[in-house]
């Protein structure tokens, strides 16, 4: 079965992290990406699932900084 490919904003939202974190993980090769065209990258849904299963958690849970 072919995975759905997610954009960086979609992947960040799914994992509860900032887009910059996804870009950093890409640079550090923590997350595998698929290049689409010359400038665009996508992250396979299975890669997001792998990170979730490995216990990837946002540093600060969304909504915890309410004032």
C-alpha atoms as a PDB file:
ATOM      1  CA  UNK A   1       0.000   0.000   0.000  1.00  0.00           C
ATOM      2  CA  UNK A   2       1.268   3.453  -0.907  1.00  0.00           C
ATOM      3  CA  UNK A   3       1.520   5.991   1.924  1.00  0.00           C
ATOM      4  CA  UNK A   4      -0.046   9.387   1.806  1.00  0.00           C
ATOM      5  CA  UNK A   5       2.609  12.099   1.601  1.00  0.00           C
ATOM      6  CA  UNK A   6       2.297  14.994   4.037  1.00  0.00           C
ATOM      7  CA  UNK A   7       3.668  18.509   3.714  1.00  0.00           C
ATOM      8  CA  UNK A   8       5.892  19.919   6.458  1.00  0.00           C
ATOM      9  CA  UNK A   9       2.992  21.891   8.022  1.00  0.00           C
ATOM     10  CA  UNK A  10       0.764  18.785   7.978  1.00  0.00           C
ATOM     11  CA  UNK A  11       3.481  16.621   9.534  1.00  0.00           C
ATOM     12  CA  UNK A  12       4.219  19.233  12.213  1.00  0.00           C
ATOM     13  CA  UNK A  13       0.540  19.476  13.082  1.00  0.00           C
ATOM     14  CA  UNK A  14       0.176  15.698  13.254  1.00  0.00           C
ATOM     15  CA  UNK A  15       3.164  15.428  15.623  1.00  0.00           C
ATOM     16  CA  UNK A  16       2.374  18.548  17.648  1.00  0.00           C
ATOM     17  CA  UNK A  17       5.707  20.227  16.882  1.00  0.00           C
ATOM     18  CA  UNK A  18       6.746  23.357  15.009  1.00  0.00           C
ATOM     19  CA  UNK A  19       7.604  23.291  11.320  1.00  0.00           C
ATOM     20  CA  UNK A  20      11.158  24.283  12.264  1.00  0.00           C
ATOM     21  CA  UNK A  21      11.436  21.062  14.272  1.00  0.00           C
ATOM     22  CA  UNK A  22      10.504  18.987  11.222  1.00  0.00           C
ATOM     23  CA  UNK A  23      13.128  20.855   9.181  1.00  0.00           C
ATOM     24  CA  UNK A  24      15.736  20.300  11.914  1.00  0.00           C
ATOM     25  CA  UNK A  25      14.900  16.578  12.047  1.00  0.00           C
ATOM     26  CA  UNK A  26      15.297  16.432   8.284  1.00  0.00           C
ATOM     27  CA  UNK A  27      18.722  18.069   8.524  1.00  0.00           C
ATOM     28  CA  UNK A  28      19.744  15.672  11.329  1.00  0.00           C
ATOM     29  CA  UNK A  29      18.286  12.729   9.355  1.00  0.00           C
ATOM     30  CA  UNK A  30      15.945  11.857  12.204  1.00  0.00           C
ATOM     31  CA  UNK A  31      13.060  11.800   9.761  1.00  0.00           C
ATOM     32  CA  UNK A  32      13.040  10.440   6.208  1.00  0.00           C
ATOM     33  CA  UNK A  33      11.630  12.660   3.487  1.00  0.00           C
ATOM     34  CA  UNK A  34      10.590  12.276  -0.139  1.00  0.00           C
ATOM     35  CA  UNK A  35      11.653  14.959  -2.596  1.00  0.00           C
ATOM     36  CA  UNK A  36       8.846  16.032  -4.929  1.00  0.00           C
ATOM     37  CA  UNK A  37      10.185  18.175  -7.728  1.00  0.00           C
ATOM     38  CA  UNK A  38      13.247  20.338  -7.262  1.00  0.00           C
ATOM     39  CA  UNK A  39      12.252  22.226  -4.096  1.00  0.00           C
ATOM     40  CA  UNK A  40       9.351  20.479  -2.435  1.00  0.00           C
ATOM     41  CA  UNK A  41       9.617  17.713   0.146  1.00  0.00           C
ATOM     42  CA  UNK A  42       7.008  15.472   1.735  1.00  0.00           C
ATOM     43  CA  UNK A  43       6.962  13.090   4.669  1.00  0.00           C
ATOM     44  CA  UNK A  44       5.329   9.679   4.326  1.00  0.00           C
ATOM     45  CA  UNK A  45       2.474   8.984   6.725  1.00  0.00           C
ATOM     46  CA  UNK A  46       4.275   5.790   7.801  1.00  0.00           C
ATOM     47  CA  UNK A  47       7.260   7.909   8.881  1.00  0.00           C
ATOM     48  CA  UNK A  48       4.965  10.006  11.095  1.00  0.00           C
ATOM     49  CA  UNK A  49       3.520   6.807  12.547  1.00  0.00           C
ATOM     50  CA  UNK A  50       7.037   5.494  13.240  1.00  0.00           C
ATOM     51  CA  UNK A  51       7.909   8.640  15.182  1.00  0.00           C
ATOM     52  CA  UNK A  52       4.691   8.384  17.196  1.00  0.00           C
ATOM     53  CA  UNK A  53       5.375   4.731  18.000  1.00  0.00           C
ATOM     54  CA  UNK A  54       8.915   5.610  19.090  1.00  0.00           C
ATOM     55  CA  UNK A  55       7.448   8.064  21.578  1.00  0.00           C
ATOM     56  CA  UNK A  56       7.945  11.368  19.780  1.00  0.00           C
ATOM     57  CA  UNK A  57       6.296  14.007  21.922  1.00  0.00           C
ATOM     58  CA  UNK A  58       6.266  17.766  21.638  1.00  0.00           C
ATOM     59  CA  UNK A  59       8.524  19.559  24.116  1.00  0.00           C
ATOM     60  CA  UNK A  60       5.552  21.604  25.292  1.00  0.00           C
ATOM     61  CA  UNK A  61       2.096  20.056  24.840  1.00  0.00           C
ATOM     62  CA  UNK A  62      -0.200  22.199  22.653  1.00  0.00           C
ATOM     63  CA  UNK A  63      -2.426  24.475  24.719  1.00  0.00           C
ATOM     64  CA  UNK A  64      -0.269  24.333  27.846  1.00  0.00           C
ATOM     65  CA  UNK A  65       0.909  27.916  27.488  1.00  0.00           C
ATOM     66  CA  UNK A  66      -2.491  29.515  28.079  1.00  0.00           C
ATOM     67  CA  UNK A  67      -2.282  32.786  29.953  1.00  0.00           C
END
